[in-house]
Protein backbone atom coordinates (compact mmCIF):
# COMPACT_ATOMS: atom_id res chain seq x y z
CA MET A 1 166.18 101.95 191.14
CA GLU A 2 162.85 101.07 192.57
CA GLU A 3 159.60 102.53 191.45
CA ASN A 4 156.65 102.93 193.66
CA ILE A 5 153.50 102.10 191.84
CA GLN A 6 150.38 102.89 193.64
CA THR A 7 147.14 101.54 192.41
CA GLU A 8 143.83 102.55 193.68
CA THR A 9 140.89 100.23 193.33
CA ASN A 10 137.41 101.44 193.59
CA THR A 11 134.75 98.85 194.11
CA THR A 12 131.28 100.08 193.66
CA PRO A 13 128.29 97.79 194.09
CA LYS A 14 126.20 97.30 190.97
CA ASP A 15 123.23 99.02 192.51
CA GLU A 16 125.19 102.24 192.77
CA ILE A 17 126.30 102.33 189.07
CA PRO A 18 124.29 104.93 187.11
CA ASP A 19 122.13 103.64 184.21
CA ASN A 20 123.93 105.58 181.53
CA MET A 21 127.23 104.14 182.74
CA GLU A 22 125.88 100.60 182.29
CA ASP A 23 124.93 101.45 178.70
CA GLU A 24 128.43 102.76 178.00
CA MET A 25 130.01 99.63 179.49
CA ALA A 26 127.69 97.42 177.47
CA ALA A 27 128.57 99.29 174.27
CA THR A 28 132.25 98.84 175.06
CA ILE A 29 131.97 95.16 175.85
CA SER A 30 129.32 94.11 173.30
CA PRO A 31 131.53 94.42 170.14
CA LEU A 32 133.74 91.78 171.66
CA LYS A 33 130.79 89.41 171.92
CA GLN A 34 129.50 89.91 168.38
CA PRO A 35 129.01 86.73 166.32
CA VAL A 36 131.60 86.08 163.64
CA LEU A 37 130.37 86.28 160.05
CA ILE A 38 131.61 83.45 157.86
CA ALA A 39 131.48 83.96 154.10
CA GLN A 40 131.62 81.10 151.65
CA ARG A 41 132.47 81.54 147.99
CA SER A 42 132.23 78.99 145.26
CA GLU A 43 132.88 79.25 141.57
CA PHE A 44 132.80 77.05 138.52
CA SER A 45 134.15 77.30 135.05
CA GLY A 46 132.68 76.15 131.83
CA PRO A 47 129.31 76.62 130.22
CA LEU A 48 127.38 74.46 132.66
CA PRO A 49 126.99 74.99 136.40
CA PRO A 50 127.48 72.10 138.84
CA PRO A 51 124.42 69.81 139.27
CA GLU A 52 123.56 71.26 142.70
CA ILE A 53 123.29 74.80 141.31
CA LEU A 54 121.48 73.55 138.20
CA THR A 55 118.91 71.88 140.48
CA GLU A 56 118.44 75.12 142.39
CA TYR A 57 117.91 77.00 139.12
CA GLU A 58 115.33 74.42 138.08
CA GLN A 59 113.50 74.79 141.42
CA ILE A 60 113.39 78.58 141.09
CA TYR A 61 112.46 78.62 137.40
CA PRO A 62 111.09 75.39 135.89
CA GLY A 63 112.70 74.77 132.52
CA ALA A 64 115.85 76.70 133.38
CA ALA A 65 118.03 73.61 132.96
CA LYS A 66 116.82 73.15 129.37
CA ILE A 67 117.54 76.80 128.61
CA ILE A 68 121.02 76.57 130.14
CA PHE A 69 121.82 73.40 128.16
CA LYS A 70 120.52 74.98 124.98
CA MET A 71 122.68 78.09 125.55
CA ALA A 72 125.75 75.90 126.24
CA GLY A 73 125.14 73.97 123.01
CA GLU A 74 124.76 77.13 120.97
CA GLN A 75 127.92 78.58 122.52
CA ALA A 76 129.88 75.41 121.68
CA GLN A 77 128.66 75.52 118.07
CA HIS A 78 129.58 79.19 117.80
CA ARG A 79 133.05 78.59 119.24
CA GLN A 80 133.68 75.66 116.87
CA HIS A 81 132.50 77.74 113.91
CA MET A 82 134.86 80.57 114.86
CA GLU A 83 137.77 78.18 115.34
CA LYS A 84 137.11 76.61 111.91
CA ARG A 85 136.87 80.04 110.29
CA SER A 86 140.11 81.10 111.94
CA LEU A 87 141.89 78.01 110.67
CA ASP A 88 140.49 78.50 107.18
CA LEU A 89 141.69 82.13 107.12
CA ALA A 90 145.11 81.12 108.43
CA GLY A 91 145.39 78.54 105.65
CA ARG A 92 144.34 81.09 103.06
CA ASP A 93 146.86 83.65 104.33
CA SER A 94 149.59 81.01 104.25
CA MET A 95 148.76 80.06 100.70
CA LEU A 96 148.70 83.72 99.61
CA GLY A 97 152.09 84.23 101.18
CA ILE A 98 153.52 81.21 99.39
CA LEU A 99 152.09 82.31 96.04
CA SER A 100 153.27 85.88 96.47
CA GLY A 101 156.77 84.74 97.35
CA PHE A 102 156.84 82.39 94.38
CA ILE A 103 155.69 85.13 91.99
CA ILE A 104 158.32 87.57 93.29
CA ALA A 105 161.09 84.94 93.08
CA LEU A 106 159.98 83.85 89.61
CA SER A 107 159.97 87.50 88.50
CA GLY A 108 163.54 87.85 89.75
CA ILE A 109 164.65 84.74 87.91
CA ILE A 110 162.94 85.77 84.68
CA GLY A 111 164.23 89.36 85.00
CA GLY A 112 167.80 88.15 85.48
CA ILE A 113 167.56 85.81 82.49
CA MET A 114 166.16 88.64 80.37
CA LEU A 115 169.05 90.93 81.40
CA ILE A 116 171.57 88.29 80.42
CA SER A 117 169.86 87.46 77.09
CA PHE A 118 169.26 91.12 75.98
CA HIS A 119 172.78 92.29 76.85
CA PRO A 120 175.13 89.35 76.29
CA ASP A 121 178.07 91.60 75.39
CA SER A 122 177.92 93.71 78.57
CA VAL A 123 179.68 91.94 81.41
CA PRO A 124 178.31 94.17 84.22
CA ILE A 125 174.71 93.76 83.04
CA ALA A 126 175.15 90.02 82.55
CA LEU A 127 176.73 89.76 86.01
CA SER A 128 173.81 91.73 87.49
CA GLY A 129 171.35 89.42 85.76
CA ALA A 130 173.16 86.38 87.12
CA VAL A 131 173.15 87.79 90.66
CA ILE A 132 169.43 88.61 90.46
CA SER A 133 168.50 85.21 89.05
CA GLY A 134 170.82 83.36 91.42
CA SER A 135 169.62 85.13 94.55
CA SER A 136 166.00 84.57 93.59
CA LEU A 137 166.67 80.89 92.98
CA VAL A 138 168.58 80.57 96.27
CA GLY A 139 165.65 82.27 98.04
CA ILE A 140 163.17 79.73 96.69
CA ILE A 141 165.42 76.80 97.55
CA ARG A 142 166.11 78.14 101.04
CA THR A 143 162.39 78.64 101.70
CA PHE A 144 161.54 75.05 100.77
CA VAL A 145 164.51 73.59 102.68
CA VAL A 146 163.84 75.60 105.84
CA GLY A 147 160.12 74.90 105.58
CA SER A 148 160.66 71.13 105.24
CA LYS A 149 163.11 71.15 108.20
CA LYS A 150 160.58 72.98 110.38
CA GLU A 151 157.90 70.47 109.38
CA LYS A 152 160.26 67.58 110.20
CA ASN A 153 161.07 69.14 113.61
CA LYS A 154 157.36 69.57 114.40
CA LYS A 155 156.71 65.92 113.58
CA GLN A 156 159.58 64.82 115.80
CA GLU A 157 158.32 66.96 118.70
CA GLN A 158 154.83 65.50 118.32
CA GLU A 159 156.23 61.96 118.29
CA GLU A 160 158.28 62.70 121.45
CA LYS A 161 155.20 64.02 123.23
CA SER A 162 153.19 60.92 122.34
């Protein structure tokens, strides 16, 4: 099947084109000829900017570099203080946990021994005292064994990384 396509061309000399038509054509064509905008982005991390930017700060505001270095030093001191405080508190919490666990376990052992010694003729009470004392003792032993194994594993991992 053939299609007949008829095209009609109209050539008009430039002198005969109305002024407002030229403006419309220019508006239609001009966006295609717009310059391309190129954006550049740079970033840095850390308390100090790169030397080029630091130099620009110094040119804009004399003494800015000293202020920036002072702020960076103060920030580093603050961060180190907070890290030290955090470690100190973690150590304190660990010690409190150990002491609390020891006191609870010791109370269980002493309580079991007291049950056995105050009621030596009653088998159920003596058995209960033995279970309480034994479980408390096993808890203490398990804590120290597991803790020393974890410490040993940490040391081995650190040696493997080195």
